């Protein structure tokens, strides 16, 4: 099955904020973070069912990034994968629950 992708504005804001934070620490680290996020989203889009359901009622799943301590939080509805948050893994679940 081919899945369509929607990345919500909140998730884009998360990515931008984190990339800026990493750039302040080291030049071009923000670009590396962005590349890692895009790879993670590509992996999710290829096989979104590969990651376990973290919240059954809302059908929320997430993929942890390999290099950075962030998770791509998403939902699947038919053939649509909606990324609604990209959050540091230490953040509480309330951060994404308010968005889903």
N, C-alpha and C. Protein backbone atom coordinates (compact mmCIF):
# COMPACT_ATOMS: atom_id res chain seq x y z
N UNK A 1 0.84 -1.18 0.00
CA UNK A 1 0.00 0.00 0.00
C UNK A 1 0.89 1.25 0.00
N UNK A 2 0.48 2.23 -0.76
CA UNK A 2 1.19 3.50 -0.79
C UNK A 2 0.49 4.48 0.16
N UNK A 3 1.27 5.10 1.01
CA UNK A 3 0.72 6.04 1.99
C UNK A 3 1.01 7.48 1.58
N UNK A 4 0.05 8.33 1.90
CA UNK A 4 0.23 9.77 1.71
C UNK A 4 0.75 10.35 3.02
N UNK A 5 1.38 11.51 2.95
CA UNK A 5 1.98 12.12 4.13
C UNK A 5 1.41 13.50 4.38
N UNK A 6 1.10 13.75 5.64
CA UNK A 6 0.74 15.10 6.09
C UNK A 6 1.63 15.41 7.29
N UNK A 7 2.32 16.53 7.24
CA UNK A 7 3.12 17.00 8.37
C UNK A 7 2.47 18.28 8.85
N UNK A 8 1.94 18.23 10.05
CA UNK A 8 1.23 19.39 10.58
C UNK A 8 2.19 20.51 10.95
N UNK A 9 1.65 21.71 11.02
CA UNK A 9 2.46 22.90 11.30
C UNK A 9 3.13 22.83 12.66
N UNK A 10 2.49 22.21 13.65
CA UNK A 10 3.12 22.05 14.97
C UNK A 10 4.39 21.20 14.87
N UNK A 11 4.34 20.16 14.07
CA UNK A 11 5.52 19.31 13.89
C UNK A 11 6.63 20.06 13.17
N UNK A 12 6.25 20.85 12.17
CA UNK A 12 7.25 21.66 11.47
C UNK A 12 7.89 22.66 12.42
N UNK A 13 7.10 23.24 13.30
CA UNK A 13 7.64 24.17 14.30
C UNK A 13 8.58 23.45 15.26
N UNK A 14 8.23 22.23 15.65
CA UNK A 14 9.11 21.42 16.51
C UNK A 14 10.46 21.21 15.85
N UNK A 15 10.42 20.84 14.58
CA UNK A 15 11.65 20.55 13.83
C UNK A 15 12.51 21.81 13.71
N UNK A 16 11.88 22.91 13.37
CA UNK A 16 12.62 24.17 13.22
C UNK A 16 13.26 24.61 14.53
N UNK A 17 12.50 24.51 15.61
CA UNK A 17 13.02 24.91 16.93
C UNK A 17 14.22 24.05 17.34
N UNK A 18 14.11 22.75 17.15
CA UNK A 18 15.20 21.85 17.52
C UNK A 18 16.42 22.08 16.63
N UNK A 19 16.21 22.28 15.34
CA UNK A 19 17.32 22.52 14.42
C UNK A 19 18.06 23.80 14.80
N UNK A 20 17.33 24.84 15.16
CA UNK A 20 17.96 26.09 15.60
C UNK A 20 18.77 25.87 16.87
N UNK A 21 18.20 25.09 17.80
CA UNK A 21 18.90 24.81 19.05
C UNK A 21 20.22 24.08 18.77
N UNK A 22 20.18 23.08 17.89
CA UNK A 22 21.40 22.34 17.56
C UNK A 22 22.41 23.22 16.82
N UNK A 23 21.93 24.11 15.96
CA UNK A 23 22.84 25.02 15.26
C UNK A 23 23.55 25.97 16.22
N UNK A 24 22.89 26.34 17.30
CA UNK A 24 23.52 27.20 18.29
C UNK A 24 24.64 26.47 19.03
N UNK A 25 24.56 25.15 19.09
CA UNK A 25 25.57 24.35 19.78
C UNK A 25 26.77 24.09 18.89
N UNK A 26 26.50 23.84 17.61
CA UNK A 26 27.57 23.51 16.67
C UNK A 26 27.11 23.82 15.25
N UNK A 27 27.96 24.45 14.49
CA UNK A 27 27.63 24.82 13.12
C UNK A 27 27.27 23.57 12.32
N UNK A 28 26.20 23.64 11.59
CA UNK A 28 25.67 22.60 10.70
C UNK A 28 25.06 21.39 11.43
N UNK A 29 25.03 21.40 12.75
CA UNK A 29 24.39 20.30 13.46
C UNK A 29 22.88 20.33 13.26
N UNK A 30 22.32 21.53 13.10
CA UNK A 30 20.89 21.65 12.82
C UNK A 30 20.52 21.00 11.50
N UNK A 31 21.38 21.16 10.50
CA UNK A 31 21.14 20.53 9.19
C UNK A 31 21.22 19.01 9.31
N UNK A 32 22.12 18.52 10.14
CA UNK A 32 22.22 17.08 10.36
C UNK A 32 20.97 16.55 11.08
N UNK A 33 20.48 17.34 12.02
CA UNK A 33 19.24 16.96 12.71
C UNK A 33 18.08 16.90 11.70
N UNK A 34 17.97 17.91 10.87
CA UNK A 34 16.91 17.95 9.87
C UNK A 34 16.99 16.74 8.94
N UNK A 35 18.19 16.40 8.52
CA UNK A 35 18.37 15.23 7.65
C UNK A 35 17.91 13.96 8.36
N UNK A 36 18.23 13.84 9.64
CA UNK A 36 17.83 12.66 10.42
C UNK A 36 16.30 12.59 10.54
N UNK A 37 15.66 13.73 10.76
CA UNK A 37 14.20 13.76 10.86
C UNK A 37 13.57 13.34 9.53
N UNK A 38 14.07 13.88 8.44
CA UNK A 38 13.54 13.53 7.13
C UNK A 38 13.70 12.04 6.84
N UNK A 39 14.85 11.48 7.22
CA UNK A 39 15.06 10.03 7.06
C UNK A 39 14.05 9.26 7.89
N UNK A 40 13.83 9.70 9.12
CA UNK A 40 12.87 9.04 10.00
C UNK A 40 11.47 9.07 9.43
N UNK A 41 11.08 10.22 8.88
CA UNK A 41 9.75 10.33 8.27
C UNK A 41 9.65 9.43 7.05
N UNK A 42 10.71 9.35 6.26
CA UNK A 42 10.71 8.45 5.10
C UNK A 42 10.53 6.99 5.52
N UNK A 43 11.20 6.60 6.59
CA UNK A 43 11.08 5.22 7.09
C UNK A 43 9.64 4.97 7.54
N UNK A 44 9.07 5.93 8.26
CA UNK A 44 7.69 5.79 8.73
C UNK A 44 6.75 5.67 7.53
N UNK A 45 6.94 6.50 6.54
CA UNK A 45 6.06 6.50 5.38
C UNK A 45 6.16 5.19 4.59
N UNK A 46 7.34 4.60 4.57
CA UNK A 46 7.54 3.33 3.87
C UNK A 46 6.78 2.20 4.54
N UNK A 47 6.81 2.16 5.87
CA UNK A 47 6.11 1.10 6.60
C UNK A 47 5.62 1.63 7.95
N UNK A 48 4.54 2.39 7.97
CA UNK A 48 4.07 3.00 9.21
C UNK A 48 3.57 2.00 10.25
N UNK A 49 3.21 0.81 9.84
CA UNK A 49 2.71 -0.19 10.78
C UNK A 49 3.84 -0.92 11.51
N UNK A 50 5.08 -0.63 11.17
CA UNK A 50 6.22 -1.29 11.78
C UNK A 50 6.42 -0.88 13.24
N UNK A 51 5.87 0.24 13.62
CA UNK A 51 6.06 0.75 14.97
C UNK A 51 4.80 0.53 15.79
N UNK A 52 5.01 0.11 17.02
CA UNK A 52 3.85 -0.28 17.84
C UNK A 52 2.99 0.90 18.23
N UNK A 53 1.74 0.62 18.49
CA UNK A 53 0.79 1.63 18.94
C UNK A 53 1.15 2.03 20.37
N UNK A 54 1.30 3.32 20.61
CA UNK A 54 1.65 3.83 21.93
C UNK A 54 0.43 4.31 22.70
N UNK A 55 -0.62 4.63 21.96
CA UNK A 55 -1.87 5.07 22.58
C UNK A 55 -3.00 4.52 21.72
N UNK A 56 -3.66 3.48 22.21
CA UNK A 56 -4.66 2.77 21.40
C UNK A 56 -5.84 3.63 20.98
N UNK A 57 -6.40 4.36 21.92
CA UNK A 57 -7.60 5.12 21.61
C UNK A 57 -7.36 6.16 20.52
N UNK A 58 -6.19 6.74 20.50
CA UNK A 58 -5.88 7.76 19.49
C UNK A 58 -5.07 7.20 18.32
N UNK A 59 -4.75 5.91 18.39
CA UNK A 59 -3.96 5.26 17.33
C UNK A 59 -2.65 6.00 17.06
N UNK A 60 -1.93 6.32 18.12
CA UNK A 60 -0.68 7.07 18.02
C UNK A 60 0.50 6.11 18.07
N UNK A 61 1.44 6.34 17.18
CA UNK A 61 2.69 5.58 17.13
C UNK A 61 3.84 6.58 17.08
N UNK A 62 5.05 6.09 17.36
CA UNK A 62 6.20 6.95 17.14
C UNK A 62 7.42 6.15 16.78
N UNK A 63 8.32 6.86 16.08
CA UNK A 63 9.60 6.28 15.70
C UNK A 63 10.68 7.12 16.36
N UNK A 64 11.57 6.45 17.08
CA UNK A 64 12.71 7.14 17.66
C UNK A 64 13.77 7.34 16.59
N UNK A 65 14.36 8.52 16.57
CA UNK A 65 15.44 8.78 15.63
C UNK A 65 16.68 8.03 16.08
N UNK A 66 17.57 7.73 15.15
CA UNK A 66 18.76 6.94 15.47
C UNK A 66 19.83 7.77 16.19
N UNK A 67 20.09 8.96 15.72
CA UNK A 67 21.22 9.74 16.23
C UNK A 67 20.83 10.76 17.28
N UNK A 68 19.66 11.31 17.18
CA UNK A 68 19.21 12.36 18.09
C UNK A 68 18.11 11.83 18.99
N UNK A 69 18.01 12.35 20.22
CA UNK A 69 17.00 11.82 21.16
C UNK A 69 15.61 12.40 20.92
N UNK A 70 15.10 12.21 19.74
CA UNK A 70 13.79 12.72 19.34
C UNK A 70 12.94 11.60 18.81
N UNK A 71 11.63 11.82 18.83
CA UNK A 71 10.69 10.84 18.29
C UNK A 71 9.74 11.54 17.33
N UNK A 72 9.45 10.86 16.25
CA UNK A 72 8.47 11.32 15.27
C UNK A 72 7.15 10.69 15.68
N UNK A 73 6.17 11.52 16.07
CA UNK A 73 4.89 11.04 16.58
C UNK A 73 3.85 11.18 15.47
N UNK A 74 3.13 10.09 15.18
CA UNK A 74 2.22 10.09 14.04
C UNK A 74 1.01 9.21 14.27
N UNK A 75 0.03 9.40 13.38
CA UNK A 75 -1.18 8.58 13.35
C UNK A 75 -1.38 8.09 11.92
N UNK A 76 -2.09 6.98 11.81
CA UNK A 76 -2.44 6.43 10.50
C UNK A 76 -3.95 6.38 10.39
N UNK A 77 -4.46 6.90 9.29
CA UNK A 77 -5.89 6.81 8.99
C UNK A 77 -6.01 6.42 7.51
N UNK A 78 -6.43 5.19 7.29
CA UNK A 78 -6.50 4.61 5.94
C UNK A 78 -5.13 4.68 5.27
N UNK A 79 -4.99 5.53 4.25
CA UNK A 79 -3.71 5.64 3.55
C UNK A 79 -2.97 6.93 3.87
N UNK A 80 -3.36 7.61 4.96
CA UNK A 80 -2.75 8.89 5.34
C UNK A 80 -1.96 8.75 6.63
N UNK A 81 -0.69 9.11 6.56
CA UNK A 81 0.17 9.17 7.75
C UNK A 81 0.29 10.64 8.12
N UNK A 82 -0.13 10.97 9.34
CA UNK A 82 -0.09 12.35 9.81
C UNK A 82 0.94 12.47 10.92
N UNK A 83 2.00 13.23 10.65
CA UNK A 83 3.01 13.53 11.65
C UNK A 83 2.55 14.80 12.35
N UNK A 84 2.28 14.70 13.65
CA UNK A 84 1.77 15.88 14.35
C UNK A 84 2.72 16.37 15.43
N UNK A 85 3.84 15.69 15.64
CA UNK A 85 4.83 16.17 16.60
C UNK A 85 6.18 15.52 16.33
N UNK A 86 7.24 16.27 16.59
CA UNK A 86 8.61 15.76 16.61
C UNK A 86 9.19 16.28 17.91
N UNK A 87 9.25 15.41 18.91
CA UNK A 87 9.55 15.84 20.28
C UNK A 87 10.77 15.15 20.84
N UNK A 88 11.45 15.87 21.73
CA UNK A 88 12.57 15.27 22.46
C UNK A 88 12.02 14.10 23.27
N UNK A 89 12.75 13.04 23.34
CA UNK A 89 12.24 11.84 24.00
C UNK A 89 12.06 12.01 25.50
N UNK A 90 12.65 13.04 26.10
CA UNK A 90 12.48 13.27 27.54
C UNK A 90 11.20 14.05 27.85
N UNK A 91 10.57 14.59 26.84
CA UNK A 91 9.33 15.34 27.07
C UNK A 91 8.20 14.41 27.45
N UNK A 92 7.33 14.92 28.27
CA UNK A 92 6.19 14.13 28.75
C UNK A 92 5.20 13.91 27.61
N UNK A 93 4.44 12.82 27.70
CA UNK A 93 3.45 12.48 26.68
C UNK A 93 2.37 13.53 26.51
N UNK A 94 2.16 14.37 27.51
CA UNK A 94 1.15 15.43 27.36
C UNK A 94 1.45 16.34 26.17
N UNK A 95 2.72 16.46 25.82
CA UNK A 95 3.11 17.32 24.71
C UNK A 95 2.43 16.89 23.42
N UNK A 96 2.38 15.60 23.15
CA UNK A 96 1.74 15.15 21.92
C UNK A 96 0.27 14.87 22.11
N UNK A 97 -0.16 14.53 23.32
CA UNK A 97 -1.57 14.23 23.55
C UNK A 97 -2.46 15.44 23.32
N UNK A 98 -1.93 16.62 23.59
CA UNK A 98 -2.71 17.84 23.36
C UNK A 98 -2.88 18.14 21.88
N UNK A 99 -2.08 17.54 21.04
CA UNK A 99 -2.13 17.80 19.59
C UNK A 99 -2.92 16.77 18.81
N UNK A 100 -2.99 15.56 19.31
CA UNK A 100 -3.60 14.48 18.52
C UNK A 100 -5.11 14.58 18.47
